[in-house]
């Protein structure tokens, strides 16, 4: 049982350690996606407002 628990902990550490490096690499990517996700509705709204304001009513 002790060997199994050590192996499970070793597997958990082996799985957990590589997961930290991609998360560090993905942080700027996630930040970029968050900025894009926030900017797209604002840009769409601005485009719609600009288009409606320039239509010949």
PDB file of N, CA and C in Angstrom:
ATOM      1  N   UNK A   1       0.842  -1.207   0.000  1.00  0.00           N
ATOM      2  CA  UNK A   1       0.000   0.000   0.000  1.00  0.00           C
ATOM      3  C   UNK A   1       0.871   1.249   0.000  1.00  0.00           C
ATOM      4  N   UNK A   2       1.993   1.208   0.724  1.00  0.00           N
ATOM      5  CA  UNK A   2       2.870   2.378   0.748  1.00  0.00           C
ATOM      6  C   UNK A   2       3.474   2.620  -0.627  1.00  0.00           C
ATOM      7  N   UNK A   3       3.846   1.532  -1.324  1.00  0.00           N
ATOM      8  CA  UNK A   3       4.418   1.700  -2.658  1.00  0.00           C
ATOM      9  C   UNK A   3       3.385   2.300  -3.604  1.00  0.00           C
ATOM     10  N   UNK A   4       2.145   1.854  -3.475  1.00  0.00           N
ATOM     11  CA  UNK A   4       1.108   2.392  -4.356  1.00  0.00           C
ATOM     12  C   UNK A   4       0.866   3.873  -4.075  1.00  0.00           C
ATOM     13  N   UNK A   5       0.856   4.237  -2.796  1.00  0.00           N
ATOM     14  CA  UNK A   5       0.629   5.647  -2.468  1.00  0.00           C
ATOM     15  C   UNK A   5       1.797   6.488  -2.977  1.00  0.00           C
ATOM     16  N   UNK A   6       3.013   5.962  -2.867  1.00  0.00           N
ATOM     17  CA  UNK A   6       4.160   6.715  -3.373  1.00  0.00           C
ATOM     18  C   UNK A   6       4.086   6.845  -4.890  1.00  0.00           C
ATOM     19  N   UNK A   7       3.661   5.782  -5.533  1.00  0.00           N
ATOM     20  CA  UNK A   7       3.553   5.854  -6.993  1.00  0.00           C
ATOM     21  C   UNK A   7       2.464   6.839  -7.408  1.00  0.00           C
ATOM     22  N   UNK A   8       1.345   6.823  -6.695  1.00  0.00           N
ATOM     23  CA  UNK A   8       0.274   7.752  -7.050  1.00  0.00           C
ATOM     24  C   UNK A   8       0.736   9.188  -6.816  1.00  0.00           C
ATOM     25  N   UNK A   9       1.492   9.415  -5.747  1.00  0.00           N
ATOM     26  CA  UNK A   9       1.995  10.764  -5.512  1.00  0.00           C
ATOM     27  C   UNK A   9       3.013  11.139  -6.577  1.00  0.00           C
ATOM     28  N   UNK A  10       3.853  10.175  -6.959  1.00  0.00           N
ATOM     29  CA  UNK A  10       4.825  10.444  -8.012  1.00  0.00           C
ATOM     30  C   UNK A  10       4.126  10.752  -9.322  1.00  0.00           C
ATOM     31  N   UNK A  11       3.069  10.014  -9.629  1.00  0.00           N
ATOM     32  CA  UNK A  11       2.326  10.290 -10.853  1.00  0.00           C
ATOM     33  C   UNK A  11       1.645  11.648 -10.775  1.00  0.00           C
ATOM     34  N   UNK A  12       1.135  11.966  -9.604  1.00  0.00           N
ATOM     35  CA  UNK A  12       0.462  13.264  -9.455  1.00  0.00           C
ATOM     36  C   UNK A  12       1.475  14.396  -9.631  1.00  0.00           C
ATOM     37  N   UNK A  13       2.654  14.241  -9.037  1.00  0.00           N
ATOM     38  CA  UNK A  13       3.666  15.283  -9.171  1.00  0.00           C
ATOM     39  C   UNK A  13       4.146  15.377 -10.610  1.00  0.00           C
ATOM     40  N   UNK A  14       4.293  14.226 -11.257  1.00  0.00           N
ATOM     41  CA  UNK A  14       4.750  14.230 -12.644  1.00  0.00           C
ATOM     42  C   UNK A  14       3.709  14.891 -13.539  1.00  0.00           C
ATOM     43  N   UNK A  15       2.437  14.678 -13.216  1.00  0.00           N
ATOM     44  CA  UNK A  15       1.389  15.312 -14.017  1.00  0.00           C
ATOM     45  C   UNK A  15       1.253  16.789 -13.656  1.00  0.00           C
ATOM     46  N   UNK A  16       1.505  17.108 -12.385  1.00  0.00           N
ATOM     47  CA  UNK A  16       1.266  18.484 -11.937  1.00  0.00           C
ATOM     48  C   UNK A  16       2.399  19.410 -12.374  1.00  0.00           C
ATOM     49  N   UNK A  17       3.621  18.914 -12.392  1.00  0.00           N
ATOM     50  CA  UNK A  17       4.741  19.793 -12.733  1.00  0.00           C
ATOM     51  C   UNK A  17       4.701  20.262 -14.184  1.00  0.00           C
ATOM     52  N   UNK A  18       4.465  19.397 -15.176  1.00  0.00           N
ATOM     53  CA  UNK A  18       4.389  19.922 -16.549  1.00  0.00           C
ATOM     54  C   UNK A  18       3.160  20.806 -16.751  1.00  0.00           C
ATOM     55  N   UNK A  19       2.139  20.633 -15.927  1.00  0.00           N
ATOM     56  CA  UNK A  19       0.930  21.443 -16.086  1.00  0.00           C
ATOM     57  C   UNK A  19       1.203  22.890 -15.696  1.00  0.00           C
ATOM     58  N   UNK A  20       2.202  23.124 -14.843  1.00  0.00           N
ATOM     59  CA  UNK A  20       2.495  24.492 -14.437  1.00  0.00           C
ATOM     60  C   UNK A  20       3.172  25.259 -15.561  1.00  0.00           C
ATOM     61  N   UNK A  21       4.055  24.608 -16.314  1.00  0.00           N
ATOM     62  CA  UNK A  21       4.775  25.321 -17.369  1.00  0.00           C
ATOM     63  C   UNK A  21       3.850  25.772 -18.502  1.00  0.00           C
ATOM     64  N   UNK A  22       2.950  24.921 -19.015  1.00  0.00           N
ATOM     65  CA  UNK A  22       2.023  25.433 -20.035  1.00  0.00           C
ATOM     66  C   UNK A  22       1.091  26.503 -19.477  1.00  0.00           C
ATOM     67  N   UNK A  23       0.743  26.419 -18.197  1.00  0.00           N
ATOM     68  CA  UNK A  23      -0.124  27.453 -17.631  1.00  0.00           C
ATOM     69  C   UNK A  23       0.626  28.781 -17.604  1.00  0.00           C
ATOM     70  N   UNK A  24       1.933  28.746 -17.305  1.00  0.00           N
ATOM     71  CA  UNK A  24       2.713  29.981 -17.340  1.00  0.00           C
ATOM     72  C   UNK A  24       2.804  30.498 -18.765  1.00  0.00           C
ATOM     73  N   UNK A  25       2.933  29.589 -19.713  1.00  0.00           N
ATOM     74  CA  UNK A  25       3.008  30.015 -21.108  1.00  0.00           C
ATOM     75  C   UNK A  25       1.650  30.494 -21.607  1.00  0.00           C
ATOM     76  N   UNK A  26       0.582  29.928 -21.063  1.00  0.00           N
ATOM     77  CA  UNK A  26      -0.755  30.285 -21.533  1.00  0.00           C
ATOM     78  C   UNK A  26      -1.280  31.562 -20.882  1.00  0.00           C
ATOM     79  N   UNK A  27      -0.652  32.017 -19.817  1.00  0.00           N
ATOM     80  CA  UNK A  27      -1.153  33.214 -19.137  1.00  0.00           C
ATOM     81  C   UNK A  27      -1.196  34.420 -20.060  1.00  0.00           C
ATOM     82  N   UNK A  28      -0.133  34.737 -20.816  1.00  0.00           N
ATOM     83  CA  UNK A  28      -0.255  35.860 -21.760  1.00  0.00           C
ATOM     84  C   UNK A  28      -1.295  35.578 -22.837  1.00  0.00           C
ATOM     85  N   UNK A  29      -1.386  34.308 -23.253  1.00  0.00           N
ATOM     86  CA  UNK A  29      -2.358  33.955 -24.282  1.00  0.00           C
ATOM     87  C   UNK A  29      -3.778  34.128 -23.746  1.00  0.00           C
ATOM     88  N   UNK A  30      -3.987  33.699 -22.501  1.00  0.00           N
ATOM     89  CA  UNK A  30      -5.314  33.865 -21.901  1.00  0.00           C
ATOM     90  C   UNK A  30      -5.626  35.341 -21.703  1.00  0.00           C
ATOM     91  N   UNK A  31      -4.615  36.118 -21.333  1.00  0.00           N
ATOM     92  CA  UNK A  31      -4.834  37.557 -21.172  1.00  0.00           C
ATOM     93  C   UNK A  31      -5.193  38.179 -22.507  1.00  0.00           C
ATOM     94  N   UNK A  32      -4.504  37.750 -23.559  1.00  0.00           N
ATOM     95  CA  UNK A  32      -4.807  38.273 -24.894  1.00  0.00           C
ATOM     96  C   UNK A  32      -6.226  37.901 -25.300  1.00  0.00           C
ATOM     97  N   UNK A  33      -6.619  36.671 -25.034  1.00  0.00           N
ATOM     98  CA  UNK A  33      -7.982  36.254 -25.374  1.00  0.00           C
ATOM     99  C   UNK A  33      -9.004  37.036 -24.556  1.00  0.00           C
ATOM    100  N   UNK A  34      -8.685  37.306 -23.300  1.00  0.00           N
ATOM    101  CA  UNK A  34      -9.613  38.083 -22.474  1.00  0.00           C
ATOM    102  C   UNK A  34      -9.753  39.495 -23.017  1.00  0.00           C
ATOM    103  N   UNK A  35      -8.647  40.082 -23.466  1.00  0.00           N
ATOM    104  CA  UNK A  35      -8.698  41.432 -24.033  1.00  0.00           C
ATOM    105  C   UNK A  35      -9.506  41.416 -25.321  1.00  0.00           C
ATOM    106  N   UNK A  36      -9.289  40.402 -26.161  1.00  0.00           N
ATOM    107  CA  UNK A  36     -10.031  40.307 -27.423  1.00  0.00           C
ATOM    108  C   UNK A  36     -11.517  40.109 -27.134  1.00  0.00           C
ATOM    109  N   UNK A  37     -11.822  39.218 -26.187  1.00  0.00           N
ATOM    110  CA  UNK A  37     -13.227  38.967 -25.855  1.00  0.00           C
ATOM    111  C   UNK A  37     -13.900  40.228 -25.321  1.00  0.00           C
ATOM    112  N   UNK A  38     -13.152  41.063 -24.636  1.00  0.00           N
ATOM    113  CA  UNK A  38     -13.730  42.305 -24.118  1.00  0.00           C
ATOM    114  C   UNK A  38     -13.811  43.366 -25.207  1.00  0.00           C
ATOM    115  N   UNK A  39     -12.894  43.338 -26.167  1.00  0.00           N
ATOM    116  CA  UNK A  39     -12.833  44.395 -27.180  1.00  0.00           C
ATOM    117  C   UNK A  39     -13.813  44.137 -28.321  1.00  0.00           C
ATOM    118  N   UNK A  40     -14.094  42.887 -28.626  1.00  0.00           N
ATOM    119  CA  UNK A  40     -14.956  42.583 -29.769  1.00  0.00           C
ATOM    120  C   UNK A  40     -16.374  43.132 -29.583  1.00  0.00           C
ATOM    121  N   UNK A  41     -17.035  42.927 -28.454  1.00  0.00           N
ATOM    122  CA  UNK A  41     -18.381  43.522 -28.308  1.00  0.00           C
ATOM    123  C   UNK A  41     -18.343  45.046 -28.336  1.00  0.00           C
ATOM    124  N   UNK A  42     -17.310  45.641 -27.755  1.00  0.00           N
ATOM    125  CA  UNK A  42     -17.210  47.102 -27.765  1.00  0.00           C
ATOM    126  C   UNK A  42     -17.005  47.605 -29.184  1.00  0.00           C
ATOM    127  N   UNK A  43     -16.149  46.925 -29.946  1.00  0.00           N
ATOM    128  CA  UNK A  43     -15.911  47.337 -31.326  1.00  0.00           C
ATOM    129  C   UNK A  43     -17.168  47.123 -32.166  1.00  0.00           C
ATOM    130  N   UNK A  44     -17.865  46.024 -31.933  1.00  0.00           N
ATOM    131  CA  UNK A  44     -19.100  45.767 -32.673  1.00  0.00           C
ATOM    132  C   UNK A  44     -20.151  46.826 -32.356  1.00  0.00           C
ATOM    133  N   UNK A  45     -20.281  47.158 -31.088  1.00  0.00           N
ATOM    134  CA  UNK A  45     -21.244  48.195 -30.696  1.00  0.00           C
ATOM    135  C   UNK A  45     -20.876  49.533 -31.317  1.00  0.00           C
ATOM    136  N   UNK A  46     -19.589  49.869 -31.281  1.00  0.00           N
ATOM    137  CA  UNK A  46     -19.156  51.140 -31.866  1.00  0.00           C
ATOM    138  C   UNK A  46     -19.418  51.156 -33.369  1.00  0.00           C
ATOM    139  N   UNK A  47     -19.181  50.039 -34.034  1.00  0.00           N
ATOM    140  CA  UNK A  47     -19.423  49.965 -35.476  1.00  0.00           C
ATOM    141  C   UNK A  47     -20.912  50.123 -35.784  1.00  0.00           C
ATOM    142  N   UNK A  48     -21.755  49.468 -34.991  1.00  0.00           N
ATOM    143  CA  UNK A  48     -23.197  49.573 -35.209  1.00  0.00           C
ATOM    144  C   UNK A  48     -23.668  51.000 -34.961  1.00  0.00           C
ATOM    145  N   UNK A  49     -23.199  51.616 -33.889  1.00  0.00           N
ATOM    146  CA  UNK A  49     -23.605  52.993 -33.584  1.00  0.00           C
ATOM    147  C   UNK A  49     -23.127  53.927 -34.675  1.00  0.00           C
ATOM    148  N   UNK A  50     -21.884  53.745 -35.124  1.00  0.00           N
ATOM    149  CA  UNK A  50     -21.351  54.617 -36.181  1.00  0.00           C
ATOM    150  C   UNK A  50     -22.146  54.431 -37.470  1.00  0.00           C
ATOM    151  N   UNK A  51     -22.469  53.165 -37.800  1.00  0.00           N
ATOM    152  CA  UNK A  51     -23.225  52.892 -39.026  1.00  0.00           C
ATOM    153  C   UNK A  51     -24.622  53.506 -38.948  1.00  0.00           C
ATOM    154  N   UNK A  52     -25.287  53.345 -37.816  1.00  0.00           N
ATOM    155  CA  UNK A  52     -26.637  53.896 -37.673  1.00  0.00           C
ATOM    156  C   UNK A  52     -26.616  55.422 -37.691  1.00  0.00           C
ATOM    157  N   UNK A  53     -25.578  56.008 -37.141  1.00  0.00           N
ATOM    158  CA  UNK A  53     -25.521  57.471 -37.104  1.00  0.00           C
ATOM    159  C   UNK A  53     -25.214  58.051 -38.475  1.00  0.00           C
ATOM    160  N   UNK A  54     -24.609  57.253 -39.371  1.00  0.00           N
ATOM    161  CA  UNK A  54     -24.255  57.752 -40.695  1.00  0.00           C
ATOM    162  C   UNK A  54     -25.233  57.309 -41.777  1.00  0.00           C
ATOM    163  N   UNK A  55     -26.298  56.628 -41.394  1.00  0.00           N
ATOM    164  CA  UNK A  55     -27.293  56.241 -42.394  1.00  0.00           C
ATOM    165  C   UNK A  55     -28.145  57.452 -42.770  1.00  0.00           C
ATOM    166  N   UNK A  56     -28.513  57.563 -44.037  1.00  0.00           N
ATOM    167  CA  UNK A  56     -29.394  58.671 -44.437  1.00  0.00           C
ATOM    168  C   UNK A  56     -30.829  58.387 -44.006  1.00  0.00           C
ATOM    169  N   UNK A  57     -31.258  58.978 -42.928  1.00  0.00           N
ATOM    170  CA  UNK A  57     -32.599  58.708 -42.422  1.00  0.00           C
ATOM    171  C   UNK A  57     -33.591  59.511 -43.190  1.00  0.00           C
TER     172      UNK A  57
END
